[in-house]
Amino acid sequence: MSEPIYEVVWPLGKMAYETLPLPRRIAGLEGKTVCELWDWRFRGDEVFPILRALLARRFPGIQFVDYTAFGDTHGPKEREIIAGLPEMLRKLGCDAVISGVGA
């Protein structure tokens, strides 16, 4: 009697997107503009001011564009906001982003 033959399949399926290399990190945040993104869910209104204060002490000249400039990244206008995000980040001169996601 011969051994059974089994077909093997990959359980995760095919990749639906192409992975791109990450851009280089910026050397520091001194004098940079940091933009905040938030899904307006869990305590970002408390956390972002704390982050701003701590980062401002550590990095002279840092500037912030707070989350209210962008809107709810997970609300009824999510697709519109995310689609326009690259242009908005360029327009506001963002060097870095802090993205807060509620629990």
C-alpha atoms as a PDB file:
ATOM      1  CA  MET A   1       0.000   0.000   0.000  1.00  0.00           C
ATOM      2  CA  SER A   2       1.429   3.402  -0.970  1.00  0.00           C
ATOM      3  CA  GLU A   3       1.623   6.455   1.314  1.00  0.00           C
ATOM      4  CA  PRO A   4      -1.112   9.109   0.882  1.00  0.00           C
ATOM      5  CA  ILE A   5      -0.200  12.323  -0.912  1.00  0.00           C
ATOM      6  CA  TYR A   6      -1.412  15.614   0.546  1.00  0.00           C
ATOM      7  CA  GLU A   7      -1.703  18.973  -1.123  1.00  0.00           C
ATOM      8  CA  VAL A   8      -0.404  21.886   0.969  1.00  0.00           C
ATOM      9  CA  VAL A   9      -2.035  25.300   0.828  1.00  0.00           C
ATOM     10  CA  TRP A  10      -0.908  28.582   2.344  1.00  0.00           C
ATOM     11  CA  PRO A  11      -3.565  29.551   4.943  1.00  0.00           C
ATOM     12  CA  LEU A  12      -2.991  33.292   4.686  1.00  0.00           C
ATOM     13  CA  GLY A  13      -3.719  33.711   1.001  1.00  0.00           C
ATOM     14  CA  LYS A  14      -1.974  36.004  -1.450  1.00  0.00           C
ATOM     15  CA  MET A  15      -0.687  39.433  -0.469  1.00  0.00           C
ATOM     16  CA  ALA A  16      -3.178  42.136  -1.403  1.00  0.00           C
ATOM     17  CA  TYR A  17      -0.629  44.949  -1.306  1.00  0.00           C
ATOM     18  CA  GLU A  18       3.037  45.571  -1.931  1.00  0.00           C
ATOM     19  CA  THR A  19       5.275  46.144   1.087  1.00  0.00           C
ATOM     20  CA  LEU A  20       7.438  49.225   0.653  1.00  0.00           C
ATOM     21  CA  PRO A  21      10.638  50.024   2.522  1.00  0.00           C
ATOM     22  CA  LEU A  22      10.249  52.514   5.354  1.00  0.00           C
ATOM     23  CA  PRO A  23      11.659  56.007   4.833  1.00  0.00           C
ATOM     24  CA  ARG A  24      14.697  57.062   6.843  1.00  0.00           C
ATOM     25  CA  ARG A  25      14.000  58.379  10.316  1.00  0.00           C
ATOM     26  CA  ILE A  26      14.521  62.065  10.846  1.00  0.00           C
ATOM     27  CA  ALA A  27      17.620  62.825  12.917  1.00  0.00           C
ATOM     28  CA  GLY A  28      15.728  64.680  15.645  1.00  0.00           C
ATOM     29  CA  LEU A  29      12.605  66.680  16.335  1.00  0.00           C
ATOM     30  CA  GLU A  30      14.288  70.014  17.106  1.00  0.00           C
ATOM     31  CA  GLY A  31      12.559  72.687  15.005  1.00  0.00           C
ATOM     32  CA  LYS A  32      10.327  70.103  13.311  1.00  0.00           C
ATOM     33  CA  THR A  33       6.571  70.117  12.836  1.00  0.00           C
ATOM     34  CA  VAL A  34       4.776  67.122  14.315  1.00  0.00           C
ATOM     35  CA  CYS A  35       1.195  66.440  13.249  1.00  0.00           C
ATOM     36  CA  GLU A  36      -1.261  64.517  15.389  1.00  0.00           C
ATOM     37  CA  LEU A  37      -3.802  62.061  14.019  1.00  0.00           C
ATOM     38  CA  TRP A  38      -6.491  60.536  16.198  1.00  0.00           C
ATOM     39  CA  ASP A  39      -9.570  58.368  15.794  1.00  0.00           C
ATOM     40  CA  TRP A  40     -11.409  60.386  18.475  1.00  0.00           C
ATOM     41  CA  ARG A  41     -12.027  57.290  20.568  1.00  0.00           C
ATOM     42  CA  PHE A  42     -10.021  56.827  23.754  1.00  0.00           C
ATOM     43  CA  ARG A  43      -8.550  59.753  25.710  1.00  0.00           C
ATOM     44  CA  GLY A  44      -6.503  61.358  22.955  1.00  0.00           C
ATOM     45  CA  ASP A  45      -7.758  64.703  24.219  1.00  0.00           C
ATOM     46  CA  GLU A  46      -5.897  63.902  27.455  1.00  0.00           C
ATOM     47  CA  VAL A  47      -2.854  62.130  26.004  1.00  0.00           C
ATOM     48  CA  PHE A  48      -1.870  64.536  23.209  1.00  0.00           C
ATOM     49  CA  PRO A  49      -1.405  67.587  25.497  1.00  0.00           C
ATOM     50  CA  ILE A  50       0.867  65.495  27.734  1.00  0.00           C
ATOM     51  CA  LEU A  51       2.897  64.327  24.718  1.00  0.00           C
ATOM     52  CA  ARG A  52       3.156  67.914  23.459  1.00  0.00           C
ATOM     53  CA  ALA A  53       4.475  69.149  26.799  1.00  0.00           C
ATOM     54  CA  LEU A  54       7.016  66.337  27.167  1.00  0.00           C
ATOM     55  CA  LEU A  55       8.274  66.622  23.584  1.00  0.00           C
ATOM     56  CA  ALA A  56       8.505  70.440  23.801  1.00  0.00           C
ATOM     57  CA  ARG A  57      10.770  70.113  26.858  1.00  0.00           C
ATOM     58  CA  ARG A  58      13.011  67.642  25.065  1.00  0.00           C
ATOM     59  CA  PHE A  59      13.150  69.172  21.560  1.00  0.00           C
ATOM     60  CA  PRO A  60      13.604  72.966  21.325  1.00  0.00           C
ATOM     61  CA  GLY A  61      11.582  74.659  18.595  1.00  0.00           C
ATOM     62  CA  ILE A  62       9.264  71.719  17.995  1.00  0.00           C
ATOM     63  CA  GLN A  63       5.854  72.717  16.636  1.00  0.00           C
ATOM     64  CA  PHE A  64       2.595  70.787  16.613  1.00  0.00           C
ATOM     65  CA  VAL A  65      -0.477  70.618  14.410  1.00  0.00           C
ATOM     66  CA  ASP A  66      -3.104  69.140  16.681  1.00  0.00           C
ATOM     67  CA  TYR A  67      -5.555  66.414  15.749  1.00  0.00           C
ATOM     68  CA  THR A  68      -8.471  68.815  15.291  1.00  0.00           C
ATOM     69  CA  ALA A  69      -6.880  70.022  12.034  1.00  0.00           C
ATOM     70  CA  PHE A  70      -7.429  66.593  10.467  1.00  0.00           C
ATOM     71  CA  GLY A  71     -10.727  65.299  11.819  1.00  0.00           C
ATOM     72  CA  ASP A  72     -11.741  61.842  12.994  1.00  0.00           C
ATOM     73  CA  THR A  73      -9.580  59.273  11.190  1.00  0.00           C
ATOM     74  CA  HIS A  74     -12.120  56.552  11.969  1.00  0.00           C
ATOM     75  CA  GLY A  75     -15.452  58.322  11.665  1.00  0.00           C
ATOM     76  CA  PRO A  76     -18.092  58.865   8.988  1.00  0.00           C
ATOM     77  CA  LYS A  77     -15.631  60.824   6.789  1.00  0.00           C
ATOM     78  CA  GLU A  78     -12.774  58.341   7.289  1.00  0.00           C
ATOM     79  CA  ARG A  79     -12.263  57.559   3.585  1.00  0.00           C
ATOM     80  CA  GLU A  80     -12.244  61.231   2.642  1.00  0.00           C
ATOM     81  CA  ILE A  81      -9.858  62.170   5.455  1.00  0.00           C
ATOM     82  CA  ILE A  82      -7.418  59.311   4.775  1.00  0.00           C
ATOM     83  CA  ALA A  83      -7.475  59.932   1.001  1.00  0.00           C
ATOM     84  CA  GLY A  84      -6.608  63.604   1.551  1.00  0.00           C
ATOM     85  CA  LEU A  85      -4.052  62.943   4.263  1.00  0.00           C
ATOM     86  CA  PRO A  86      -0.853  62.996   2.160  1.00  0.00           C
ATOM     87  CA  GLU A  87      -1.738  66.380   0.659  1.00  0.00           C
ATOM     88  CA  MET A  88      -2.816  67.768   4.036  1.00  0.00           C
ATOM     89  CA  LEU A  89       0.431  66.635   5.687  1.00  0.00           C
ATOM     90  CA  ARG A  90       2.443  68.305   2.902  1.00  0.00           C
ATOM     91  CA  LYS A  91       0.354  71.483   3.094  1.00  0.00           C
ATOM     92  CA  LEU A  92       0.885  71.732   6.867  1.00  0.00           C
ATOM     93  CA  GLY A  93       4.623  71.040   6.582  1.00  0.00           C
ATOM     94  CA  CYS A  94       4.602  67.875   8.663  1.00  0.00           C
ATOM     95  CA  ASP A  95       7.977  66.333   9.363  1.00  0.00           C
ATOM     96  CA  ALA A  96       6.586  63.580  11.612  1.00  0.00           C
ATOM     97  CA  VAL A  97       3.225  62.183  12.715  1.00  0.00           C
ATOM     98  CA  ILE A  98       1.912  60.828  15.993  1.00  0.00           C
ATOM     99  CA  SER A  99      -1.090  58.637  15.289  1.00  0.00           C
ATOM    100  CA  GLY A 100      -3.290  57.886  18.292  1.00  0.00           C
ATOM    101  CA  VAL A 101      -5.743  55.014  18.140  1.00  0.00           C
ATOM    102  CA  GLY A 102      -8.356  54.482  20.842  1.00  0.00           C
ATOM    103  CA  ALA A 103      -8.583  51.285  22.821  1.00  0.00           C
END
